[in-house]
Amino acid sequence: MDEIQITKVAKVLSEWNPLGNEARNIPDLDGYRIEAIDIIASFHLPFIGSTEETRIMDVLNQAFKLSLSEKDCAEPARKIALILKQQGK
């Protein structure tokens, strides 16, 4: 997995910070690095009917027991998709 992609996706997640103030209570958060890796991996798996938004939503909801919607994830999904497409060139 590309370290540059991981760093850029983690930055998008950190800037968005879906955990809000709870982020400081997660000792192993590491700037959303693990979640970035999981999201990147999910973008490379062929899930029929899955959107970029649902992939991000699923990873974060499962990791942190959140209740994010596809709408909540739309803007970060757009940014992450651009990162992954740029790196693939």
Protein backbone atom coordinates (compact mmCIF):
# COMPACT_ATOMS: atom_id res chain seq x y z
CA MET A 1 0.00 0.00 0.00
CA ASP A 2 1.27 3.46 -0.91
CA GLU A 3 2.47 5.45 2.11
CA ILE A 4 1.69 8.74 0.36
CA GLN A 5 -1.92 7.67 -0.16
CA ILE A 6 -2.23 6.60 3.47
CA THR A 7 -0.88 9.94 4.68
CA LYS A 8 -3.14 11.97 2.39
CA VAL A 9 -6.29 9.99 3.21
CA ALA A 10 -5.51 10.16 6.93
CA LYS A 11 -5.14 13.94 6.56
CA VAL A 12 -8.60 14.19 4.96
CA LEU A 13 -10.04 12.16 7.84
CA SER A 14 -8.19 14.22 10.46
CA GLU A 15 -9.38 17.50 8.98
CA TRP A 16 -12.95 16.20 8.84
CA ASN A 17 -12.59 14.56 12.28
CA PRO A 18 -15.85 12.58 12.37
CA LEU A 19 -15.22 11.76 16.03
CA GLY A 20 -15.23 15.42 17.03
CA ASN A 21 -14.16 16.00 20.63
CA GLU A 22 -14.19 12.25 21.28
CA ALA A 23 -11.04 11.92 19.15
CA ARG A 24 -8.90 12.95 22.10
CA ASN A 25 -10.32 10.02 24.12
CA ILE A 26 -9.12 7.41 21.60
CA PRO A 27 -5.54 6.58 22.63
CA ASP A 28 -4.65 4.57 19.50
CA LEU A 29 -6.25 6.90 16.95
CA ASP A 30 -2.90 7.87 15.36
CA GLY A 31 -4.43 10.54 13.14
CA TYR A 32 -6.92 8.11 11.57
CA ARG A 33 -4.06 6.15 9.98
CA ILE A 34 -5.59 2.68 10.50
CA GLU A 35 -8.94 3.88 9.18
CA ALA A 36 -7.21 5.41 6.16
CA ILE A 37 -5.63 2.03 5.39
CA ASP A 38 -9.00 0.29 5.75
CA ILE A 39 -10.71 2.84 3.51
CA ILE A 40 -8.03 2.57 0.82
CA ALA A 41 -8.33 -1.22 0.91
CA SER A 42 -12.11 -0.99 0.59
CA PHE A 43 -11.75 1.18 -2.52
CA HIS A 44 -9.80 -1.64 -4.19
CA LEU A 45 -12.39 -4.34 -3.47
CA PRO A 46 -15.21 -4.88 -5.95
CA PHE A 47 -18.40 -4.51 -3.91
CA ILE A 48 -21.42 -4.42 -6.17
CA GLY A 49 -23.69 -1.50 -5.38
CA SER A 50 -21.21 0.01 -2.93
CA THR A 51 -20.44 3.70 -3.29
CA GLU A 52 -17.41 5.63 -2.11
CA GLU A 53 -19.60 7.19 0.58
CA THR A 54 -20.84 3.82 1.87
CA ARG A 55 -17.33 2.42 2.03
CA ILE A 56 -16.16 5.31 4.22
CA MET A 57 -19.36 5.22 6.25
CA ASP A 58 -19.01 1.48 6.88
CA VAL A 59 -15.35 1.66 7.93
CA LEU A 60 -15.86 4.55 10.35
CA ASN A 61 -19.19 3.37 11.75
CA GLN A 62 -17.74 -0.06 12.48
CA ALA A 63 -14.46 1.26 13.87
CA PHE A 64 -15.98 3.82 16.23
CA LYS A 65 -19.63 2.79 16.61
CA LEU A 66 -20.73 6.00 14.88
CA SER A 67 -23.97 6.60 12.99
CA LEU A 68 -22.65 8.44 9.97
CA SER A 69 -24.85 8.65 6.90
CA GLU A 70 -23.81 8.61 3.25
CA LYS A 71 -24.49 12.34 3.18
CA ASP A 72 -22.10 12.87 6.10
CA CYS A 73 -19.40 11.06 4.14
CA ALA A 74 -20.00 12.65 0.73
CA GLU A 75 -17.37 15.41 0.84
CA PRO A 76 -14.59 13.30 2.41
CA ALA A 77 -15.41 10.51 -0.08
CA ARG A 78 -14.99 12.93 -2.98
CA LYS A 79 -11.60 14.08 -1.67
CA ILE A 80 -10.39 10.56 -0.97
CA ALA A 81 -11.48 9.31 -4.40
CA LEU A 82 -9.50 12.13 -6.01
CA ILE A 83 -6.40 11.22 -3.99
CA LEU A 84 -6.65 7.58 -4.99
CA LYS A 85 -7.24 8.39 -8.66
CA GLN A 86 -4.29 10.83 -8.79
CA GLN A 87 -1.92 8.34 -7.23
CA GLY A 88 -3.02 5.67 -9.67
CA LYS A 89 -1.78 7.65 -12.67
